[in-house]
C-alpha atoms as a PDB file:
ATOM      1  CA  MET A   1     -79.451 116.363-103.819  1.00  0.00           C
ATOM      2  CA  SER A   2     -80.514 117.577-100.666  1.00  0.00           C
ATOM      3  CA  ALA A   3     -78.902 121.645 -99.741  1.00  0.00           C
ATOM      4  CA  GLY A   4     -79.229 119.623 -96.068  1.00  0.00           C
ATOM      5  CA  SER A   5     -78.735 122.497 -93.535  1.00  0.00           C
ATOM      6  CA  LEU A   6     -77.296 126.094 -94.454  1.00  0.00           C
ATOM      7  CA  THR A   7     -74.515 127.362 -92.070  1.00  0.00           C
ATOM      8  CA  ARG A   8     -71.620 129.773 -92.777  1.00  0.00           C
ATOM      9  CA  SER A   9     -69.798 127.143 -94.447  1.00  0.00           C
ATOM     10  CA  THR A  10     -72.275 124.970 -95.994  1.00  0.00           C
ATOM     11  CA  ARG A  11     -71.618 121.490 -97.253  1.00  0.00           C
ATOM     12  CA  TRP A  12     -73.319 118.280 -98.856  1.00  0.00           C
ATOM     13  CA  ARG A  13     -72.019 115.166-100.681  1.00  0.00           C
ATOM     14  CA  SER A  14     -73.189 113.256-103.817  1.00  0.00           C
ATOM     15  CA  HIS A  15     -74.907 110.160-102.909  1.00  0.00           C
ATOM     16  CA  GLY A  16     -75.064 108.381-106.505  1.00  0.00           C
ATOM     17  CA  PRO A  17     -74.500 105.014-106.660  1.00  0.00           C
ATOM     18  CA  ARG A  18     -71.065 104.761-108.631  1.00  0.00           C
ATOM     19  CA  CYS A  19     -67.536 105.164-107.183  1.00  0.00           C
ATOM     20  CA  GLU A  20     -66.281 105.958-110.738  1.00  0.00           C
ATOM     21  CA  GLU A  21     -63.888 108.748-111.570  1.00  0.00           C
ATOM     22  CA  GLY A  22     -63.176 109.292-107.746  1.00  0.00           C
ATOM     23  CA  ILE A  23     -66.221 110.351-107.260  1.00  0.00           C
ATOM     24  CA  ASP A  24     -66.711 109.042-103.373  1.00  0.00           C
ATOM     25  CA  THR A  25     -63.173 110.290-102.784  1.00  0.00           C
ATOM     26  CA  LEU A  26     -63.813 114.137-103.611  1.00  0.00           C
ATOM     27  CA  PRO A  27     -63.246 116.838-100.716  1.00  0.00           C
ATOM     28  CA  THR A  28     -66.298 117.774 -98.951  1.00  0.00           C
ATOM     29  CA  ALA A  29     -68.291 120.663-100.356  1.00  0.00           C
ATOM     30  CA  ARG A  30     -68.108 123.970 -98.439  1.00  0.00           C
ATOM     31  CA  LEU A  31     -69.129 127.219 -99.844  1.00  0.00           C
ATOM     32  CA  ALA A  32     -68.264 130.682 -98.072  1.00  0.00           C
ATOM     33  CA  GLY A  33     -68.385 133.945 -99.000  1.00  0.00           C
ATOM     34  CA  THR A  34     -69.952 135.183-102.243  1.00  0.00           C
ATOM     35  CA  GLU A  35     -70.406 131.509-103.320  1.00  0.00           C
ATOM     36  CA  LEU A  36     -72.740 130.867-100.580  1.00  0.00           C
ATOM     37  CA  GLU A  37     -74.387 133.809-101.146  1.00  0.00           C
ATOM     38  CA  ILE A  38     -75.176 133.190-104.222  1.00  0.00           C
ATOM     39  CA  ARG A  39     -76.547 129.984-103.636  1.00  0.00           C
ATOM     40  CA  LEU A  40     -78.801 131.169-100.760  1.00  0.00           C
ATOM     41  CA  LEU A  41     -80.441 133.669-102.860  1.00  0.00           C
ATOM     42  CA  ALA A  42     -80.745 131.306-105.760  1.00  0.00           C
ATOM     43  CA  LEU A  43     -82.869 128.734-103.567  1.00  0.00           C
ATOM     44  CA  HIS A  44     -84.559 131.821-101.752  1.00  0.00           C
ATOM     45  CA  ARG A  45     -85.764 132.967-105.457  1.00  0.00           C
ATOM     46  CA  GLU A  46     -86.801 129.522-106.264  1.00  0.00           C
ATOM     47  CA  ARG A  47     -88.941 129.075-103.539  1.00  0.00           C
ATOM     48  CA  LEU A  48     -90.631 132.576-104.160  1.00  0.00           C
ATOM     49  CA  VAL A  49     -91.243 132.113-107.968  1.00  0.00           C
ATOM     50  CA  ASP A  50     -92.829 128.729-106.970  1.00  0.00           C
ATOM     51  CA  THR A  51     -95.040 130.453-104.106  1.00  0.00           C
ATOM     52  CA  ARG A  52     -96.176 133.067-106.626  1.00  0.00           C
ATOM     53  CA  THR A  53     -96.848 130.626-109.063  1.00  0.00           C
ATOM     54  CA  ARG A  54     -98.826 128.903-106.803  1.00  0.00           C
ATOM     55  CA  LEU A  55    -101.017 131.906-106.307  1.00  0.00           C
ATOM     56  CA  ILE A  56    -101.032 133.260-109.732  1.00  0.00           C
ATOM     57  CA  ASN A  57    -103.044 129.513-110.617  1.00  0.00           C
ATOM     58  CA  GLU A  58    -105.021 130.314-107.643  1.00  0.00           C
ATOM     59  CA  LEU A  59    -105.968 133.884-108.607  1.00  0.00           C
ATOM     60  CA  ARG A  60    -106.942 132.812-112.387  1.00  0.00           C
ATOM     61  CA  TRP A  61    -109.582 130.967-111.025  1.00  0.00           C
ATOM     62  CA  GLN A  62    -111.093 133.675-108.846  1.00  0.00           C
ATOM     63  CA  LEU A  63    -110.700 136.086-111.878  1.00  0.00           C
ATOM     64  CA  HIS A  64    -112.632 133.474-114.033  1.00  0.00           C
ATOM     65  CA  ASP A  65    -115.591 132.891-111.227  1.00  0.00           C
ATOM     66  CA  LEU A  66    -115.834 136.864-111.416  1.00  0.00           C
ATOM     67  CA  TRP A  67    -115.522 137.411-114.905  1.00  0.00           C
ATOM     68  CA  PRO A  68    -116.097 134.378-117.082  1.00  0.00           C
ATOM     69  CA  ASP A  69    -115.736 136.356-120.362  1.00  0.00           C
ATOM     70  CA  TRP A  70    -112.145 137.509-119.091  1.00  0.00           C
ATOM     71  CA  GLU A  71    -109.617 135.678-121.083  1.00  0.00           C
ATOM     72  CA  ILE A  72    -106.352 136.255-119.433  1.00  0.00           C
ATOM     73  CA  PRO A  73    -103.504 134.548-121.354  1.00  0.00           C
ATOM     74  CA  LYS A  74    -101.153 132.223-119.942  1.00  0.00           C
ATOM     75  CA  ARG A  75     -97.766 133.237-118.019  1.00  0.00           C
ATOM     76  CA  VAL A  76     -98.695 137.106-118.405  1.00  0.00           C
ATOM     77  CA  LEU A  77     -99.541 138.006-114.813  1.00  0.00           C
ATOM     78  CA  ILE A  78     -95.823 137.669-113.706  1.00  0.00           C
ATOM     79  CA  HIS A  79     -95.288 140.750-115.366  1.00  0.00           C
ATOM     80  CA  PRO A  80     -96.129 144.062-113.723  1.00  0.00           C
ATOM     81  CA  ALA A  81     -98.367 145.682-116.322  1.00  0.00           C
ATOM     82  CA  TRP A  82    -100.693 142.733-116.378  1.00  0.00           C
ATOM     83  CA  GLN A  83    -100.839 142.703-112.508  1.00  0.00           C
ATOM     84  CA  THR A  84    -101.453 146.815-112.351  1.00  0.00           C
ATOM     85  CA  LYS A  85    -104.274 145.698-114.891  1.00  0.00           C
ATOM     86  CA  VAL A  86    -106.191 143.244-112.420  1.00  0.00           C
ATOM     87  CA  THR A  87    -105.777 145.464-109.473  1.00  0.00           C
ATOM     88  CA  GLN A  88    -107.053 148.573-111.415  1.00  0.00           C
ATOM     89  CA  ARG A  89    -109.988 146.443-112.443  1.00  0.00           C
ATOM     90  CA  LEU A  90    -110.655 144.824-108.868  1.00  0.00           C
ATOM     91  CA  ARG A  91    -110.573 148.371-107.513  1.00  0.00           C
ATOM     92  CA  ARG A  92    -113.524 149.297-109.962  1.00  0.00           C
ATOM     93  CA  THR A  93    -115.408 146.458-108.777  1.00  0.00           C
ATOM     94  CA  GLU A  94    -118.089 146.611-105.726  1.00  0.00           C
ATOM     95  CA  THR A  95    -116.572 144.598-102.639  1.00  0.00           C
ATOM     96  CA  ASP A  96    -117.452 140.745-101.622  1.00  0.00           C
ATOM     97  CA  VAL A  97    -115.600 137.994-100.167  1.00  0.00           C
ATOM     98  CA  ARG A  98    -114.842 137.021-103.668  1.00  0.00           C
ATOM     99  CA  VAL A  99    -113.291 140.276-104.641  1.00  0.00           C
ATOM    100  CA  GLN A 100    -111.634 140.897-101.360  1.00  0.00           C
ATOM    101  CA  ILE A 101    -109.779 137.552-102.009  1.00  0.00           C
ATOM    102  CA  ALA A 102    -108.634 138.292-105.007  1.00  0.00           C
ATOM    103  CA  ARG A 103    -107.561 141.654-104.384  1.00  0.00           C
ATOM    104  CA  ASP A 104    -105.228 139.830-101.390  1.00  0.00           C
ATOM    105  CA  MET A 105    -103.894 137.757-103.935  1.00  0.00           C
ATOM    106  CA  ILE A 106    -102.980 140.355-106.304  1.00  0.00           C
ATOM    107  CA  GLY A 107    -101.035 142.203-104.224  1.00  0.00           C
ATOM    108  CA  ARG A 108     -99.081 139.461-102.590  1.00  0.00           C
ATOM    109  CA  ILE A 109     -98.362 138.271-106.252  1.00  0.00           C
ATOM    110  CA  ARG A 110     -97.005 141.952-106.943  1.00  0.00           C
ATOM    111  CA  GLU A 111     -95.109 142.297-103.380  1.00  0.00           C
ATOM    112  CA  LEU A 112     -93.155 138.564-104.434  1.00  0.00           C
ATOM    113  CA  THR A 113     -92.685 139.766-108.296  1.00  0.00           C
ATOM    114  CA  ARG A 114     -90.802 142.948-106.657  1.00  0.00           C
ATOM    115  CA  THR A 115     -88.802 140.413-104.191  1.00  0.00           C
ATOM    116  CA  ILE A 116     -87.896 138.318-107.214  1.00  0.00           C
ATOM    117  CA  THR A 117     -86.649 141.301-109.325  1.00  0.00           C
ATOM    118  CA  GLN A 118     -84.669 142.268-106.491  1.00  0.00           C
ATOM    119  CA  LEU A 119     -83.159 138.987-105.655  1.00  0.00           C
ATOM    120  CA  TYR A 120     -82.170 138.769-109.812  1.00  0.00           C
ATOM    121  CA  GLU A 121     -80.443 142.178-109.412  1.00  0.00           C
ATOM    122  CA  GLN A 122     -78.807 141.115-106.770  1.00  0.00           C
ATOM    123  CA  LEU A 123     -77.776 138.085-108.236  1.00  0.00           C
ATOM    124  CA  THR A 124     -76.589 139.357-111.132  1.00  0.00           C
ATOM    125  CA  GLY A 125     -74.277 141.710-109.217  1.00  0.00           C
ATOM    126  CA  LEU A 126     -72.603 138.520-107.571  1.00  0.00           C
ATOM    127  CA  VAL A 127     -72.214 136.092-110.525  1.00  0.00           C
ATOM    128  CA  LYS A 128     -70.706 139.063-112.110  1.00  0.00           C
ATOM    129  CA  GLN A 129     -68.097 139.303-108.932  1.00  0.00           C
ATOM    130  CA  ALA A 130     -67.395 135.429-108.925  1.00  0.00           C
ATOM    131  CA  ALA A 131     -67.138 134.361-111.919  1.00  0.00           C
ATOM    132  CA  PRO A 132     -67.734 136.754-115.087  1.00  0.00           C
ATOM    133  CA  GLN A 133     -66.737 134.461-117.509  1.00  0.00           C
ATOM    134  CA  LEU A 134     -69.873 132.671-117.497  1.00  0.00           C
ATOM    135  CA  LEU A 135     -71.683 135.594-118.596  1.00  0.00           C
ATOM    136  CA  ALA A 136     -69.920 136.045-121.393  1.00  0.00           C
ATOM    137  CA  GLU A 137     -71.375 132.379-122.944  1.00  0.00           C
ATOM    138  CA  ARG A 138     -74.103 132.988-125.037  1.00  0.00           C
ATOM    139  CA  GLY A 139     -76.906 131.185-123.635  1.00  0.00           C
ATOM    140  CA  LEU A 140     -75.298 131.350-119.992  1.00  0.00           C
ATOM    141  CA  GLY A 141     -77.537 133.535-118.307  1.00  0.00           C
ATOM    142  CA  VAL A 142     -77.601 134.809-114.958  1.00  0.00           C
ATOM    143  CA  LEU A 143     -79.926 132.423-112.750  1.00  0.00           C
ATOM    144  CA  ILE A 144     -78.104 129.207-115.121  1.00  0.00           C
ATOM    145  CA  ALA A 145     -74.882 130.782-113.676  1.00  0.00           C
ATOM    146  CA  ALA A 146     -76.053 130.905-110.444  1.00  0.00           C
ATOM    147  CA  LYS A 147     -77.101 127.432-110.195  1.00  0.00           C
ATOM    148  CA  LEU A 148     -73.772 126.114-111.292  1.00  0.00           C
ATOM    149  CA  ILE A 149     -71.788 127.936-109.065  1.00  0.00           C
ATOM    150  CA  GLY A 150     -73.410 126.667-106.115  1.00  0.00           C
ATOM    151  CA  GLU A 151     -74.054 123.658-107.104  1.00  0.00           C
ATOM    152  CA  ILE A 152     -70.410 122.630-108.019  1.00  0.00           C
ATOM    153  CA  ALA A 153     -69.863 124.336-104.558  1.00  0.00           C
ATOM    154  CA  GLY A 154     -65.845 124.846-105.512  1.00  0.00           C
ATOM    155  CA  ILE A 155     -64.334 123.904-109.277  1.00  0.00           C
ATOM    156  CA  ASP A 156     -61.129 122.815-107.245  1.00  0.00           C
ATOM    157  CA  ARG A 157     -62.661 119.755-105.624  1.00  0.00           C
ATOM    158  CA  PHE A 158     -62.656 118.128-109.176  1.00  0.00           C
ATOM    159  CA  THR A 159     -59.410 116.892-110.818  1.00  0.00           C
ATOM    160  CA  SER A 160     -61.378 116.705-114.227  1.00  0.00           C
ATOM    161  CA  ASP A 161     -64.210 117.399-116.162  1.00  0.00           C
ATOM    162  CA  ALA A 162     -65.020 113.738-116.277  1.00  0.00           C
ATOM    163  CA  GLN A 163     -65.197 114.296-112.345  1.00  0.00           C
ATOM    164  CA  LEU A 164     -67.972 117.228-112.730  1.00  0.00           C
ATOM    165  CA  ALA A 165     -69.862 115.079-115.196  1.00  0.00           C
ATOM    166  CA  ARG A 166     -70.243 111.951-113.071  1.00  0.00           C
ATOM    167  CA  ILE A 167     -71.587 114.120-110.105  1.00  0.00           C
ATOM    168  CA  SER A 168     -73.857 115.805-112.106  1.00  0.00           C
ATOM    169  CA  GLY A 169     -75.058 112.925-114.297  1.00  0.00           C
ATOM    170  CA  CYS A 170     -74.108 113.951-117.462  1.00  0.00           C
ATOM    171  CA  ALA A 171     -71.675 111.388-118.107  1.00  0.00           C
ATOM    172  CA  PRO A 172     -73.809 108.690-120.713  1.00  0.00           C
ATOM    173  CA  ILE A 173     -73.759 105.184-119.446  1.00  0.00           C
ATOM    174  CA  PRO A 174     -72.869 102.500-122.353  1.00  0.00           C
ATOM    175  CA  VAL A 175     -75.614 100.231-122.664  1.00  0.00           C
ATOM    176  CA  SER A 176     -74.561  98.730-125.857  1.00  0.00           C
ATOM    177  CA  SER A 177     -75.858  95.059-127.031  1.00  0.00           C
ATOM    178  CA  GLY A 178     -74.426  93.511-129.995  1.00  0.00           C
ATOM    179  CA  ARG A 179     -74.293  95.314-132.795  1.00  0.00           C
ATOM    180  CA  THR A 180     -76.113  98.339-131.550  1.00  0.00           C
ATOM    181  CA  ASP A 181     -73.839 101.110-129.495  1.00  0.00           C
ATOM    182  CA  ARG A 182     -76.573 103.318-127.541  1.00  0.00           C
ATOM    183  CA  HIS A 183     -75.875 105.320-124.018  1.00  0.00           C
ATOM    184  CA  ARG A 184     -78.797 106.115-121.596  1.00  0.00           C
ATOM    185  CA  LEU A 185     -78.856 109.101-118.486  1.00  0.00           C
ATOM    186  CA  ASP A 186     -76.992 108.789-115.621  1.00  0.00           C
ATOM    187  CA  PRO A 187     -79.711 108.846-112.885  1.00  0.00           C
ATOM    188  CA  GLY A 188     -77.287 109.738-110.110  1.00  0.00           C
ATOM    189  CA  GLY A 189     -75.254 112.727-109.491  1.00  0.00           C
ATOM    190  CA  ASN A 190     -76.691 115.896-108.330  1.00  0.00           C
ATOM    191  CA  ARG A 191     -80.063 116.239-110.045  1.00  0.00           C
ATOM    192  CA  GLN A 192     -80.128 119.983-109.249  1.00  0.00           C
ATOM    193  CA  LEU A 193     -76.907 120.385-110.685  1.00  0.00           C
ATOM    194  CA  ASN A 194     -78.055 118.311-113.692  1.00  0.00           C
ATOM    195  CA  HIS A 195     -80.895 120.167-114.490  1.00  0.00           C
ATOM    196  CA  ALA A 196     -79.216 123.462-114.534  1.00  0.00           C
ATOM    197  CA  PHE A 197     -76.697 121.779-117.459  1.00  0.00           C
ATOM    198  CA  HIS A 198     -80.141 120.513-119.137  1.00  0.00           C
ATOM    199  CA  MET A 199     -81.019 124.563-119.153  1.00  0.00           C
ATOM    200  CA  LEU A 200     -78.160 125.388-120.323  1.00  0.00           C
ATOM    201  CA  ALA A 201     -78.175 122.820-123.295  1.00  0.00           C
ATOM    202  CA  LEU A 202     -81.782 123.735-124.258  1.00  0.00           C
ATOM    203  CA  THR A 203     -80.988 127.753-124.448  1.00  0.00           C
ATOM    204  CA  LYS A 204     -77.729 127.184-126.088  1.00  0.00           C
ATOM    205  CA  ILE A 205     -79.900 125.221-128.365  1.00  0.00           C
ATOM    206  CA  ILE A 206     -82.075 128.199-129.339  1.00  0.00           C
ATOM    207  CA  HIS A 207     -79.504 131.145-128.877  1.00  0.00           C
ATOM    208  CA  ASP A 208     -76.220 129.841-130.170  1.00  0.00           C
ATOM    209  CA  PRO A 209     -76.117 128.894-134.130  1.00  0.00           C
ATOM    210  CA  ARG A 210     -72.971 126.592-133.822  1.00  0.00           C
ATOM    211  CA  THR A 211     -74.924 124.222-131.003  1.00  0.00           C
ATOM    212  CA  ALA A 212     -77.796 123.763-133.258  1.00  0.00           C
ATOM    213  CA  VAL A 213     -75.643 122.682-135.894  1.00  0.00           C
ATOM    214  CA  TYR A 214     -74.051 120.420-133.379  1.00  0.00           C
ATOM    215  CA  ILE A 215     -77.301 118.980-132.730  1.00  0.00           C
ATOM    216  CA  ALA A 216     -78.431 118.367-136.560  1.00  0.00           C
ATOM    217  CA  LYS A 217     -74.712 116.572-136.716  1.00  0.00           C
ATOM    218  CA  GLN A 218     -75.494 114.444-133.885  1.00  0.00           C
ATOM    219  CA  ARG A 219     -78.902 113.610-135.720  1.00  0.00           C
ATOM    220  CA  LYS A 220     -77.656 113.041-138.956  1.00  0.00           C
ATOM    221  CA  ASN A 221     -75.296 110.321-137.332  1.00  0.00           C
ATOM    222  CA  GLY A 222     -78.176 108.724-136.105  1.00  0.00           C
ATOM    223  CA  LYS A 223     -78.407 109.821-132.521  1.00  0.00           C
ATOM    224  CA  THR A 224     -81.858 110.615-130.892  1.00  0.00           C
ATOM    225  CA  ASN A 225     -82.694 114.316-130.295  1.00  0.00           C
ATOM    226  CA  ARG A 226     -82.396 112.904-126.071  1.00  0.00           C
ATOM    227  CA  GLY A 227     -79.229 111.288-127.474  1.00  0.00           C
ATOM    228  CA  ALA A 228     -77.769 114.412-129.239  1.00  0.00           C
ATOM    229  CA  ILE A 229     -78.733 116.858-126.354  1.00  0.00           C
ATOM    230  CA  ARG A 230     -77.238 114.054-123.968  1.00  0.00           C
ATOM    231  CA  SER A 231     -73.649 114.434-125.883  1.00  0.00           C
ATOM    232  CA  LEU A 232     -74.353 118.395-125.949  1.00  0.00           C
ATOM    233  CA  LYS A 233     -74.482 118.262-122.081  1.00  0.00           C
ATOM    234  CA  ARG A 234     -71.054 116.643-121.963  1.00  0.00           C
ATOM    235  CA  HIS A 235     -69.556 118.759-123.873  1.00  0.00           C
ATOM    236  CA  LEU A 236     -71.369 121.670-121.849  1.00  0.00           C
ATOM    237  CA  VAL A 237     -69.801 120.271-118.679  1.00  0.00           C
ATOM    238  CA  ARG A 238     -66.304 120.085-119.798  1.00  0.00           C
ATOM    239  CA  GLY A 239     -66.549 124.096-121.205  1.00  0.00           C
ATOM    240  CA  VAL A 240     -68.179 125.169-118.052  1.00  0.00           C
ATOM    241  CA  TYR A 241     -65.397 122.863-115.661  1.00  0.00           C
ATOM    242  CA  HIS A 242     -62.221 124.556-117.919  1.00  0.00           C
ATOM    243  CA  LEU A 243     -64.425 128.325-117.696  1.00  0.00           C
ATOM    244  CA  LEU A 244     -64.185 127.754-113.984  1.00  0.00           C
ATOM    245  CA  ARG A 245     -60.941 126.394-113.622  1.00  0.00           C
ATOM    246  CA  ASN A 246     -58.704 128.251-115.977  1.00  0.00           C
ATOM    247  CA  PRO A 247     -60.858 131.266-117.211  1.00  0.00           C
ATOM    248  CA  GLU A 248     -57.748 133.417-118.424  1.00  0.00           C
ATOM    249  CA  ARG A 249     -56.503 129.892-119.874  1.00  0.00           C
ATOM    250  CA  VAL A 250     -59.382 129.011-122.157  1.00  0.00           C
ATOM    251  CA  PRO A 251     -61.886 130.911-124.937  1.00  0.00           C
ATOM    252  CA  THR A 252     -64.340 132.811-123.649  1.00  0.00           C
ATOM    253  CA  THR A 253     -67.103 130.468-125.726  1.00  0.00           C
ATOM    254  CA  ILE A 254     -67.042 127.196-125.037  1.00  0.00           C
ATOM    255  CA  CYS A 255     -66.129 124.946-128.038  1.00  0.00           C
ATOM    256  CA  LEU A 256     -68.106 122.276-129.581  1.00  0.00           C
ATOM    257  CA  THR A 257     -66.329 119.455-131.787  1.00  0.00           C
END
């Protein structure tokens, strides 16, 4: 879903293909105050990360041309220590056009990294202010929480977790035939929100032993790994819905049954 034009009262609508659970009757999403700041900062950070990634990929080719025998491990150039190492080696190298370009690129990468770090720290404070209960959930970090807050755009718009599941594309659609009981992914809804729930599912599988047990149980019952993750995402939608809507009335962790 496109973020659309952003104003002080940001608003957008779901454009999924179905109207079950009253999706097409949801109030227009409006963000203001802390929640709007979270959405804007999270989007800005994502754009800067994309820009840094492109620059790093180009820099790696420049460095390979300069020093073919210098093997730089993947993904290390996002870290300040490696950025400093590259900067120092370029300083010691005789200047030509290729070195000049590489110096400029690593300078921009370092500047972007500082800004990205500052934005993360700013988001941390805002998320703690807007929804600290999300950060208490194992596997639910600042960036996923910020994406959930920004894309849900007001939990009070939803009268049930089923509505939230539908608009996030996390409500499995039955495609059973004969004696085969199957479900498939919902291609509609807010894909940014769907991605946030997907990343939450993956991090919980890694960091939450209860979630790993749940996935193993689903696999034992005959579900594929993708099917098990679909079921998990639906549970996570329910948990996030209650954490946001009634934080004082629910446990601080999402229950899996």
